[in-house]
Amino acid sequence: MGGILLRGMVFGAGWGQMRHDWVFEVLTDLVDYAERNGLPRLARKAAETLAVARDEIAAARDDGRGGAGGGEPSLH
């Protein structure tokens, strides 16, 4: 199976809508970490970034771009 291994998940052709879930998980974890460790500015910025990611990925799906320009995601 070809593809990119990232955080235990293989990303390649045909991986579908689940391909952005790791982004949401990482940002959610960052919000939780910041809140638990008394970092309110970081928590707010991470929450804001999470909202932007959700909006942009949803918009990209709605217009047929898939959120990463169509095919494979850009990891840089």
Protein backbone atom coordinates (compact mmCIF):
# COMPACT_ATOMS: atom_id res chain seq x y z
CA MET A 1 0.00 0.00 0.00
CA GLY A 2 1.55 3.30 -1.05
CA GLY A 3 1.08 6.59 0.70
CA ILE A 4 2.38 8.75 3.49
CA LEU A 5 2.56 7.45 7.06
CA LEU A 6 1.71 10.15 9.59
CA ARG A 7 0.75 9.58 13.22
CA GLY A 8 0.06 5.92 12.53
CA MET A 9 -2.25 6.60 9.57
CA VAL A 10 -1.44 5.99 5.92
CA PHE A 11 -2.47 8.76 3.57
CA GLY A 12 -2.68 7.96 -0.12
CA ALA A 13 -5.04 7.82 -3.05
CA GLY A 14 -8.60 7.09 -2.06
CA TRP A 15 -8.32 7.95 1.61
CA GLY A 16 -11.37 10.19 1.31
CA GLN A 17 -12.96 12.55 3.77
CA MET A 18 -11.09 11.23 6.82
CA ARG A 19 -7.86 12.83 5.64
CA HIS A 20 -8.32 16.02 7.67
CA ASP A 21 -9.35 14.40 10.93
CA TRP A 22 -5.79 14.37 12.26
CA VAL A 23 -5.63 18.17 11.93
CA PHE A 24 -8.73 18.57 14.08
CA GLU A 25 -7.39 16.08 16.64
CA VAL A 26 -4.03 17.85 16.96
CA LEU A 27 -5.60 21.29 17.35
CA THR A 28 -8.16 20.00 19.85
CA ASP A 29 -5.35 18.38 21.85
CA LEU A 30 -3.45 21.68 21.80
CA VAL A 31 -6.48 23.58 23.11
CA ASP A 32 -6.93 21.03 25.90
CA TYR A 33 -3.22 21.11 26.80
CA ALA A 34 -3.14 24.91 26.92
CA GLU A 35 -6.25 25.09 29.09
CA ARG A 36 -4.93 22.47 31.54
CA ASN A 37 -1.59 24.22 31.81
CA GLY A 38 -2.70 27.79 32.35
CA LEU A 39 -1.92 29.06 28.85
CA PRO A 40 -5.07 31.02 28.01
CA ARG A 41 -3.68 32.94 25.03
CA LEU A 42 -2.44 29.74 23.42
CA ALA A 43 -5.80 28.07 24.11
CA ARG A 44 -7.66 30.95 22.44
CA LYS A 45 -5.37 31.00 19.40
CA ALA A 46 -5.51 27.22 19.01
CA ALA A 47 -9.33 27.33 19.27
CA GLU A 48 -9.39 30.11 16.68
CA THR A 49 -7.12 28.08 14.40
CA LEU A 50 -9.35 25.03 14.83
CA ALA A 51 -12.39 27.10 13.77
CA VAL A 52 -10.52 28.43 10.72
CA ALA A 53 -9.43 24.90 9.76
CA ARG A 54 -13.00 23.62 10.01
CA ASP A 55 -14.33 26.52 7.93
CA GLU A 56 -11.69 26.30 5.21
CA ILE A 57 -11.84 22.52 4.90
CA ALA A 58 -15.65 22.60 4.76
CA ALA A 59 -15.55 25.32 2.10
CA ALA A 60 -13.00 23.38 0.08
CA ARG A 61 -15.18 20.26 0.24
CA ASP A 62 -18.24 22.28 -0.79
CA ASP A 63 -16.54 23.66 -3.88
CA GLY A 64 -15.04 20.30 -4.85
CA ARG A 65 -11.41 20.99 -3.97
CA GLY A 66 -11.39 18.42 -1.18
CA GLY A 67 -9.52 20.73 1.18
CA ALA A 68 -6.02 20.08 -0.15
CA GLY A 69 -6.32 21.10 -3.75
CA GLY A 70 -7.95 17.85 -4.77
CA GLY A 71 -5.54 14.90 -4.68
CA GLU A 72 -2.83 14.28 -2.11
CA PRO A 73 -2.52 16.63 0.86
CA SER A 74 0.28 19.12 1.17
CA LEU A 75 2.28 18.36 4.29
CA HIS A 76 4.45 21.46 4.15
